[in-house]
Amino acid sequence: MENLCDNFYLGFLAELGDKTQLSTMLLAAHNESYLSVFLGAALALILNTIIGVYLGSVISKSLPMHYIHLGGGIAFIIIGILLITQKF
């Protein structure tokens, strides 16, 4: 149960203030049906999470965790450099 709570908090904090949330707020501002905006955003997030979990499990079975961590770290550094230099 503790792992579930940790995953929830991490996912919740990671999603705060991102482009998806801003897009959803804009859609809600321009749409009369808040329920359709909510359901569309919720279903999109669920589908995106399912894809991420599936691909993560497939990748973790075929690559050693060391390479996954190394690749993730390198990707974050590259994205950080691109964001700082405003090339991304």
PDB file of N, CA and C in Angstrom:
ATOM      1  N   MET A   1       0.821  -1.195   0.000  1.00  0.00           N
ATOM      2  CA  MET A   1       0.000   0.000   0.000  1.00  0.00           C
ATOM      3  C   MET A   1       0.863   1.256   0.000  1.00  0.00           C
ATOM      4  N   GLU A   2       1.994   1.178   0.699  1.00  0.00           N
ATOM      5  CA  GLU A   2       2.889   2.329   0.755  1.00  0.00           C
ATOM      6  C   GLU A   2       3.425   2.669  -0.635  1.00  0.00           C
ATOM      7  N   ASN A   3       3.744   1.641  -1.422  1.00  0.00           N
ATOM      8  CA  ASN A   3       4.243   1.841  -2.779  1.00  0.00           C
ATOM      9  C   ASN A   3       3.187   2.528  -3.645  1.00  0.00           C
ATOM     10  N   LEU A   4       1.924   2.158  -3.477  1.00  0.00           N
ATOM     11  CA  LEU A   4       0.832   2.777  -4.225  1.00  0.00           C
ATOM     12  C   LEU A   4       0.730   4.258  -3.885  1.00  0.00           C
ATOM     13  N   CYS A   5       0.833   4.595  -2.614  1.00  0.00           N
ATOM     14  CA  CYS A   5       0.775   5.998  -2.196  1.00  0.00           C
ATOM     15  C   CYS A   5       1.951   6.782  -2.758  1.00  0.00           C
ATOM     16  N   ASP A   6       3.138   6.194  -2.714  1.00  0.00           N
ATOM     17  CA  ASP A   6       4.320   6.859  -3.269  1.00  0.00           C
ATOM     18  C   ASP A   6       4.143   7.123  -4.752  1.00  0.00           C
ATOM     19  N   ASN A   7       3.630   6.125  -5.487  1.00  0.00           N
ATOM     20  CA  ASN A   7       3.403   6.292  -6.924  1.00  0.00           C
ATOM     21  C   ASN A   7       2.373   7.374  -7.194  1.00  0.00           C
ATOM     22  N   PHE A   8       1.316   7.421  -6.381  1.00  0.00           N
ATOM     23  CA  PHE A   8       0.291   8.446  -6.555  1.00  0.00           C
ATOM     24  C   PHE A   8       0.882   9.838  -6.348  1.00  0.00           C
ATOM     25  N   TYR A   9       1.589  10.023  -5.231  1.00  0.00           N
ATOM     26  CA  TYR A   9       2.144  11.346  -4.933  1.00  0.00           C
ATOM     27  C   TYR A   9       3.149  11.783  -5.998  1.00  0.00           C
ATOM     28  N   LEU A  10       4.005  10.878  -6.426  1.00  0.00           N
ATOM     29  CA  LEU A  10       4.998  11.207  -7.444  1.00  0.00           C
ATOM     30  C   LEU A  10       4.327  11.571  -8.762  1.00  0.00           C
ATOM     31  N   GLY A  11       3.352  10.777  -9.170  1.00  0.00           N
ATOM     32  CA  GLY A  11       2.623  11.081 -10.404  1.00  0.00           C
ATOM     33  C   GLY A  11       1.843  12.371 -10.304  1.00  0.00           C
ATOM     34  N   PHE A  12       1.206  12.601  -9.158  1.00  0.00           N
ATOM     35  CA  PHE A  12       0.439  13.827  -8.961  1.00  0.00           C
ATOM     36  C   PHE A  12       1.338  15.056  -9.030  1.00  0.00           C
ATOM     37  N   LEU A  13       2.454  15.020  -8.339  1.00  0.00           N
ATOM     38  CA  LEU A  13       3.369  16.163  -8.352  1.00  0.00           C
ATOM     39  C   LEU A  13       4.002  16.383  -9.718  1.00  0.00           C
ATOM     40  N   ALA A  14       4.298  15.291 -10.426  1.00  0.00           N
ATOM     41  CA  ALA A  14       4.919  15.413 -11.747  1.00  0.00           C
ATOM     42  C   ALA A  14       3.967  16.055 -12.752  1.00  0.00           C
ATOM     43  N   GLU A  15       2.676  15.843 -12.581  1.00  0.00           N
ATOM     44  CA  GLU A  15       1.694  16.353 -13.538  1.00  0.00           C
ATOM     45  C   GLU A  15       1.225  17.775 -13.229  1.00  0.00           C
ATOM     46  N   LEU A  16       1.542  18.305 -12.054  1.00  0.00           N
ATOM     47  CA  LEU A  16       1.079  19.654 -11.714  1.00  0.00           C
ATOM     48  C   LEU A  16       1.722  20.701 -12.621  1.00  0.00           C
ATOM     49  N   GLY A  17       0.886  21.539 -13.202  1.00  0.00           N
ATOM     50  CA  GLY A  17       1.391  22.677 -13.969  1.00  0.00           C
ATOM     51  C   GLY A  17       2.031  22.333 -15.292  1.00  0.00           C
ATOM     52  N   ASP A  18       1.841  21.137 -15.802  1.00  0.00           N
ATOM     53  CA  ASP A  18       2.452  20.820 -17.087  1.00  0.00           C
ATOM     54  C   ASP A  18       1.539  21.287 -18.226  1.00  0.00           C
ATOM     55  N   LYS A  19       2.000  21.088 -19.449  1.00  0.00           N
ATOM     56  CA  LYS A  19       1.249  21.558 -20.617  1.00  0.00           C
ATOM     57  C   LYS A  19      -0.126  20.916 -20.719  1.00  0.00           C
ATOM     58  N   THR A  20      -0.241  19.680 -20.296  1.00  0.00           N
ATOM     59  CA  THR A  20      -1.532  18.993 -20.364  1.00  0.00           C
ATOM     60  C   THR A  20      -2.546  19.668 -19.452  1.00  0.00           C
ATOM     61  N   GLN A  21      -2.126  20.024 -18.255  1.00  0.00           N
ATOM     62  CA  GLN A  21      -3.037  20.681 -17.330  1.00  0.00           C
ATOM     63  C   GLN A  21      -3.458  22.046 -17.862  1.00  0.00           C
ATOM     64  N   LEU A  22      -2.524  22.783 -18.424  1.00  0.00           N
ATOM     65  CA  LEU A  22      -2.857  24.088 -18.992  1.00  0.00           C
ATOM     66  C   LEU A  22      -3.807  23.941 -20.175  1.00  0.00           C
ATOM     67  N   SER A  23      -3.592  22.947 -21.020  1.00  0.00           N
ATOM     68  CA  SER A  23      -4.487  22.698 -22.156  1.00  0.00           C
ATOM     69  C   SER A  23      -5.884  22.341 -21.673  1.00  0.00           C
ATOM     70  N   THR A  24      -5.952  21.534 -20.628  1.00  0.00           N
ATOM     71  CA  THR A  24      -7.253  21.136 -20.089  1.00  0.00           C
ATOM     72  C   THR A  24      -7.992  22.343 -19.524  1.00  0.00           C
ATOM     73  N   MET A  25      -7.278  23.228 -18.859  1.00  0.00           N
ATOM     74  CA  MET A  25      -7.919  24.441 -18.341  1.00  0.00           C
ATOM     75  C   MET A  25      -8.443  25.308 -19.477  1.00  0.00           C
ATOM     76  N   LEU A  26      -7.673  25.425 -20.545  1.00  0.00           N
ATOM     77  CA  LEU A  26      -8.129  26.205 -21.695  1.00  0.00           C
ATOM     78  C   LEU A  26      -9.345  25.564 -22.355  1.00  0.00           C
ATOM     79  N   LEU A  27      -9.336  24.247 -22.499  1.00  0.00           N
ATOM     80  CA  LEU A  27     -10.493  23.545 -23.068  1.00  0.00           C
ATOM     81  C   LEU A  27     -11.734  23.763 -22.200  1.00  0.00           C
ATOM     82  N   ALA A  28     -11.570  23.691 -20.893  1.00  0.00           N
ATOM     83  CA  ALA A  28     -12.711  23.894 -19.993  1.00  0.00           C
ATOM     84  C   ALA A  28     -13.233  25.322 -20.083  1.00  0.00           C
ATOM     85  N   ALA A  29     -12.338  26.277 -20.305  1.00  0.00           N
ATOM     86  CA  ALA A  29     -12.763  27.675 -20.407  1.00  0.00           C
ATOM     87  C   ALA A  29     -13.559  27.928 -21.686  1.00  0.00           C
ATOM     88  N   HIS A  30     -13.271  27.162 -22.734  1.00  0.00           N
ATOM     89  CA  HIS A  30     -13.928  27.375 -24.024  1.00  0.00           C
ATOM     90  C   HIS A  30     -15.029  26.369 -24.319  1.00  0.00           C
ATOM     91  N   ASN A  31     -15.305  25.484 -23.387  1.00  0.00           N
ATOM     92  CA  ASN A  31     -16.277  24.424 -23.633  1.00  0.00           C
ATOM     93  C   ASN A  31     -17.371  24.501 -22.584  1.00  0.00           C
ATOM     94  N   GLU A  32     -18.594  24.356 -22.983  1.00  0.00           N
ATOM     95  CA  GLU A  32     -19.721  24.405 -22.056  1.00  0.00           C
ATOM     96  C   GLU A  32     -19.838  23.117 -21.232  1.00  0.00           C
ATOM     97  N   SER A  33     -19.372  22.021 -21.776  1.00  0.00           N
ATOM     98  CA  SER A  33     -19.519  20.735 -21.100  1.00  0.00           C
ATOM     99  C   SER A  33     -18.237  20.393 -20.344  1.00  0.00           C
ATOM    100  N   TYR A  34     -18.224  20.730 -19.059  1.00  0.00           N
ATOM    101  CA  TYR A  34     -17.044  20.433 -18.244  1.00  0.00           C
ATOM    102  C   TYR A  34     -16.855  18.938 -18.083  1.00  0.00           C
ATOM    103  N   LEU A  35     -17.945  18.205 -18.078  1.00  0.00           N
ATOM    104  CA  LEU A  35     -17.853  16.752 -17.921  1.00  0.00           C
ATOM    105  C   LEU A  35     -17.123  16.119 -19.098  1.00  0.00           C
ATOM    106  N   SER A  36     -17.401  16.581 -20.318  1.00  0.00           N
ATOM    107  CA  SER A  36     -16.711  16.005 -21.482  1.00  0.00           C
ATOM    108  C   SER A  36     -15.220  16.350 -21.460  1.00  0.00           C
ATOM    109  N   VAL A  37     -14.872  17.541 -21.000  1.00  0.00           N
ATOM    110  CA  VAL A  37     -13.455  17.908 -20.883  1.00  0.00           C
ATOM    111  C   VAL A  37     -12.783  17.031 -19.833  1.00  0.00           C
ATOM    112  N   PHE A  38     -13.454  16.853 -18.700  1.00  0.00           N
ATOM    113  CA  PHE A  38     -12.892  16.017 -17.639  1.00  0.00           C
ATOM    114  C   PHE A  38     -12.702  14.578 -18.101  1.00  0.00           C
ATOM    115  N   LEU A  39     -13.741  14.017 -18.713  1.00  0.00           N
ATOM    116  CA  LEU A  39     -13.658  12.627 -19.158  1.00  0.00           C
ATOM    117  C   LEU A  39     -12.598  12.445 -20.238  1.00  0.00           C
ATOM    118  N   GLY A  40     -12.523  13.383 -21.176  1.00  0.00           N
ATOM    119  CA  GLY A  40     -11.506  13.291 -22.223  1.00  0.00           C
ATOM    120  C   GLY A  40     -10.096  13.362 -21.653  1.00  0.00           C
ATOM    121  N   ALA A  41      -9.865  14.306 -20.739  1.00  0.00           N
ATOM    122  CA  ALA A  41      -8.540  14.446 -20.133  1.00  0.00           C
ATOM    123  C   ALA A  41      -8.199  13.224 -19.280  1.00  0.00           C
ATOM    124  N   ALA A  42      -9.179  12.730 -18.522  1.00  0.00           N
ATOM    125  CA  ALA A  42      -8.936  11.565 -17.662  1.00  0.00           C
ATOM    126  C   ALA A  42      -8.634  10.324 -18.501  1.00  0.00           C
ATOM    127  N   LEU A  43      -9.400  10.102 -19.553  1.00  0.00           N
ATOM    128  CA  LEU A  43      -9.160   8.943 -20.407  1.00  0.00           C
ATOM    129  C   LEU A  43      -7.807   9.044 -21.118  1.00  0.00           C
ATOM    130  N   ALA A  44      -7.448  10.238 -21.545  1.00  0.00           N
ATOM    131  CA  ALA A  44      -6.145  10.421 -22.202  1.00  0.00           C
ATOM    132  C   ALA A  44      -5.000  10.115 -21.231  1.00  0.00           C
ATOM    133  N   LEU A  45      -5.132  10.581 -19.995  1.00  0.00           N
ATOM    134  CA  LEU A  45      -4.089  10.316 -18.998  1.00  0.00           C
ATOM    135  C   LEU A  45      -4.010   8.828 -18.667  1.00  0.00           C
ATOM    136  N   ILE A  46      -5.171   8.180 -18.557  1.00  0.00           N
ATOM    137  CA  ILE A  46      -5.180   6.743 -18.281  1.00  0.00           C
ATOM    138  C   ILE A  46      -4.520   5.969 -19.414  1.00  0.00           C
ATOM    139  N   LEU A  47      -4.874   6.287 -20.657  1.00  0.00           N
ATOM    140  CA  LEU A  47      -4.281   5.598 -21.806  1.00  0.00           C
ATOM    141  C   LEU A  47      -2.774   5.835 -21.880  1.00  0.00           C
ATOM    142  N   ASN A  48      -2.366   7.070 -21.646  1.00  0.00           N
ATOM    143  CA  ASN A  48      -0.940   7.404 -21.661  1.00  0.00           C
ATOM    144  C   ASN A  48      -0.189   6.630 -20.579  1.00  0.00           C
ATOM    145  N   THR A  49      -0.795   6.499 -19.409  1.00  0.00           N
ATOM    146  CA  THR A  49      -0.171   5.760 -18.309  1.00  0.00           C
ATOM    147  C   THR A  49      -0.089   4.272 -18.628  1.00  0.00           C
ATOM    148  N   ILE A  50      -1.134   3.719 -19.218  1.00  0.00           N
ATOM    149  CA  ILE A  50      -1.121   2.300 -19.598  1.00  0.00           C
ATOM    150  C   ILE A  50       0.009   2.032 -20.589  1.00  0.00           C
ATOM    151  N   ILE A  51       0.149   2.900 -21.570  1.00  0.00           N
ATOM    152  CA  ILE A  51       1.224   2.733 -22.557  1.00  0.00           C
ATOM    153  C   ILE A  51       2.587   2.818 -21.874  1.00  0.00           C
ATOM    154  N   GLY A  52       2.757   3.800 -20.971  1.00  0.00           N
ATOM    155  CA  GLY A  52       4.034   3.954 -20.272  1.00  0.00           C
ATOM    156  C   GLY A  52       4.379   2.759 -19.407  1.00  0.00           C
ATOM    157  N   VAL A  53       3.397   2.234 -18.684  1.00  0.00           N
ATOM    158  CA  VAL A  53       3.629   1.063 -17.829  1.00  0.00           C
ATOM    159  C   VAL A  53       3.974  -0.150 -18.685  1.00  0.00           C
ATOM    160  N   TYR A  54       3.241  -0.346 -19.769  1.00  0.00           N
ATOM    161  CA  TYR A  54       3.502  -1.496 -20.640  1.00  0.00           C
ATOM    162  C   TYR A  54       4.903  -1.417 -21.247  1.00  0.00           C
ATOM    163  N   LEU A  55       5.236  -0.252 -21.826  1.00  0.00           N
ATOM    164  CA  LEU A  55       6.567  -0.120 -22.439  1.00  0.00           C
ATOM    165  C   LEU A  55       7.674  -0.226 -21.396  1.00  0.00           C
ATOM    166  N   GLY A  56       7.423   0.320 -20.202  1.00  0.00           N
ATOM    167  CA  GLY A  56       8.414   0.214 -19.132  1.00  0.00           C
ATOM    168  C   GLY A  56       8.657  -1.228 -18.725  1.00  0.00           C
ATOM    169  N   SER A  57       7.589  -2.020 -18.660  1.00  0.00           N
ATOM    170  CA  SER A  57       7.768  -3.426 -18.281  1.00  0.00           C
ATOM    171  C   SER A  57       8.474  -4.212 -19.384  1.00  0.00           C
ATOM    172  N   VAL A  58       8.168  -3.901 -20.646  1.00  0.00           N
ATOM    173  CA  VAL A  58       8.840  -4.588 -21.760  1.00  0.00           C
ATOM    174  C   VAL A  58      10.321  -4.224 -21.788  1.00  0.00           C
ATOM    175  N   ILE A  59      10.629  -2.945 -21.642  1.00  0.00           N
ATOM    176  CA  ILE A  59      12.021  -2.499 -21.686  1.00  0.00           C
ATOM    177  C   ILE A  59      12.801  -3.068 -20.499  1.00  0.00           C
ATOM    178  N   SER A  60      12.169  -3.088 -19.308  1.00  0.00           N
ATOM    179  CA  SER A  60      12.895  -3.574 -18.129  1.00  0.00           C
ATOM    180  C   SER A  60      13.198  -5.073 -18.210  1.00  0.00           C
ATOM    181  N   LYS A  61      12.432  -5.812 -19.008  1.00  0.00           N
ATOM    182  CA  LYS A  61      12.700  -7.243 -19.177  1.00  0.00           C
ATOM    183  C   LYS A  61      13.799  -7.504 -20.196  1.00  0.00           C
ATOM    184  N   SER A  62      14.041  -6.543 -21.084  1.00  0.00           N
ATOM    185  CA  SER A  62      15.019  -6.782 -22.139  1.00  0.00           C
ATOM    186  C   SER A  62      16.344  -6.042 -21.927  1.00  0.00           C
ATOM    187  N   LEU A  63      16.369  -5.068 -21.031  1.00  0.00           N
ATOM    188  CA  LEU A  63      17.613  -4.332 -20.760  1.00  0.00           C
ATOM    189  C   LEU A  63      17.917  -4.360 -19.265  1.00  0.00           C
ATOM    190  N   PRO A  64      19.191  -4.426 -18.906  1.00  0.00           N
ATOM    191  CA  PRO A  64      19.538  -4.334 -17.488  1.00  0.00           C
ATOM    192  C   PRO A  64      19.172  -2.946 -16.934  1.00  0.00           C
ATOM    193  N   MET A  65      18.766  -2.903 -15.677  1.00  0.00           N
ATOM    194  CA  MET A  65      18.319  -1.657 -15.051  1.00  0.00           C
ATOM    195  C   MET A  65      19.401  -0.581 -15.076  1.00  0.00           C
ATOM    196  N   HIS A  66      20.649  -0.990 -15.029  1.00  0.00           N
ATOM    197  CA  HIS A  66      21.753  -0.022 -15.074  1.00  0.00           C
ATOM    198  C   HIS A  66      21.692   0.799 -16.370  1.00  0.00           C
ATOM    199  N   TYR A  67      21.444   0.156 -17.486  1.00  0.00           N
ATOM    200  CA  TYR A  67      21.377   0.862 -18.769  1.00  0.00           C
ATOM    201  C   TYR A  67      20.141   1.756 -18.852  1.00  0.00           C
ATOM    202  N   ILE A  68      19.049   1.320 -18.250  1.00  0.00           N
ATOM    203  CA  ILE A  68      17.833   2.135 -18.237  1.00  0.00           C
ATOM    204  C   ILE A  68      18.071   3.412 -17.431  1.00  0.00           C
ATOM    205  N   HIS A  69      18.677   3.279 -16.258  1.00  0.00           N
ATOM    206  CA  HIS A  69      18.994   4.453 -15.433  1.00  0.00           C
ATOM    207  C   HIS A  69      19.970   5.375 -16.146  1.00  0.00           C
ATOM    208  N   LEU A  70      20.992   4.795 -16.760  1.00  0.00           N
ATOM    209  CA  LEU A  70      21.985   5.592 -17.483  1.00  0.00           C
ATOM    210  C   LEU A  70      21.333   6.339 -18.647  1.00  0.00           C
ATOM    211  N   GLY A  71      20.501   5.650 -19.415  1.00  0.00           N
ATOM    212  CA  GLY A  71      19.820   6.289 -20.544  1.00  0.00           C
ATOM    213  C   GLY A  71      18.877   7.387 -20.093  1.00  0.00           C
ATOM    214  N   GLY A  72      18.136   7.148 -19.007  1.00  0.00           N
ATOM    215  CA  GLY A  72      17.241   8.173 -18.472  1.00  0.00           C
ATOM    216  C   GLY A  72      18.000   9.392 -17.989  1.00  0.00           C
ATOM    217  N   GLY A  73      19.116   9.165 -17.307  1.00  0.00           N
ATOM    218  CA  GLY A  73      19.938  10.283 -16.829  1.00  0.00           C
ATOM    219  C   GLY A  73      20.510  11.105 -17.968  1.00  0.00           C
ATOM    220  N   ILE A  74      21.014  10.438 -18.977  1.00  0.00           N
ATOM    221  CA  ILE A  74      21.572  11.135 -20.145  1.00  0.00           C
ATOM    222  C   ILE A  74      20.477  11.924 -20.869  1.00  0.00           C
ATOM    223  N   ALA A  75      19.287  11.318 -21.002  1.00  0.00           N
ATOM    224  CA  ALA A  75      18.171  12.011 -21.671  1.00  0.00           C
ATOM    225  C   ALA A  75      17.780  13.270 -20.904  1.00  0.00           C
ATOM    226  N   PHE A  76      17.710  13.204 -19.569  1.00  0.00           N
ATOM    227  CA  PHE A  76      17.360  14.379 -18.785  1.00  0.00           C
ATOM    228  C   PHE A  76      18.423  15.465 -18.901  1.00  0.00           C
ATOM    229  N   ILE A  77      19.682  15.092 -18.920  1.00  0.00           N
ATOM    230  CA  ILE A  77      20.752  16.078 -19.069  1.00  0.00           C
ATOM    231  C   ILE A  77      20.654  16.760 -20.428  1.00  0.00           C
ATOM    232  N   ILE A  78      20.448  15.985 -21.479  1.00  0.00           N
ATOM    233  CA  ILE A  78      20.333  16.557 -22.832  1.00  0.00           C
ATOM    234  C   ILE A  78      19.133  17.492 -22.918  1.00  0.00           C
ATOM    235  N   ILE A  79      17.989  17.054 -22.399  1.00  0.00           N
ATOM    236  CA  ILE A  79      16.799  17.906 -22.435  1.00  0.00           C
ATOM    237  C   ILE A  79      17.029  19.175 -21.620  1.00  0.00           C
ATOM    238  N   GLY A  80      17.683  19.055 -20.468  1.00  0.00           N
ATOM    239  CA  GLY A  80      17.995  20.227 -19.649  1.00  0.00           C
ATOM    240  C   GLY A  80      18.873  21.219 -20.387  1.00  0.00           C
ATOM    241  N   ILE A  81      19.897  20.710 -21.060  1.00  0.00           N
ATOM    242  CA  ILE A  81      20.790  21.593 -21.836  1.00  0.00           C
ATOM    243  C   ILE A  81      20.015  22.268 -22.965  1.00  0.00           C
ATOM    244  N   LEU A  82      19.176  21.507 -23.646  1.00  0.00           N
ATOM    245  CA  LEU A  82      18.371  22.084 -24.747  1.00  0.00           C
ATOM    246  C   LEU A  82      17.399  23.137 -24.227  1.00  0.00           C
ATOM    247  N   LEU A  83      16.812  22.913 -23.050  1.00  0.00           N
ATOM    248  CA  LEU A  83      15.907  23.901 -22.493  1.00  0.00           C
ATOM    249  C   LEU A  83      16.648  25.165 -22.052  1.00  0.00           C
ATOM    250  N   ILE A  84      17.816  24.991 -21.455  1.00  0.00           N
ATOM    251  CA  ILE A  84      18.607  26.155 -21.022  1.00  0.00           C
ATOM    252  C   ILE A  84      19.060  26.980 -22.220  1.00  0.00           C
ATOM    253  N   THR A  85      19.464  26.324 -23.286  1.00  0.00           N
ATOM    254  CA  THR A  85      19.921  27.038 -24.480  1.00  0.00           C
ATOM    255  C   THR A  85      18.762  27.431 -25.404  1.00  0.00           C
ATOM    256  N   GLN A  86      17.542  27.134 -24.973  1.00  0.00           N
ATOM    257  CA  GLN A  86      16.312  27.475 -25.702  1.00  0.00           C
ATOM    258  C   GLN A  86      16.290  26.882 -27.114  1.00  0.00           C
ATOM    259  N   LYS A  87      16.786  25.670 -27.246  1.00  0.00           N
ATOM    260  CA  LYS A  87      16.748  24.960 -28.531  1.00  0.00           C
ATOM    261  C   LYS A  87      15.659  23.901 -28.546  1.00  0.00           C
ATOM    262  N   PHE A  88      14.904  23.792 -27.436  1.00  0.00           N
ATOM    263  CA  PHE A  88      13.873  22.768 -27.331  1.00  0.00           C
ATOM    264  C   PHE A  88      12.562  23.397 -26.960  1.00  0.00           C
TER     265      PHE A  88
END
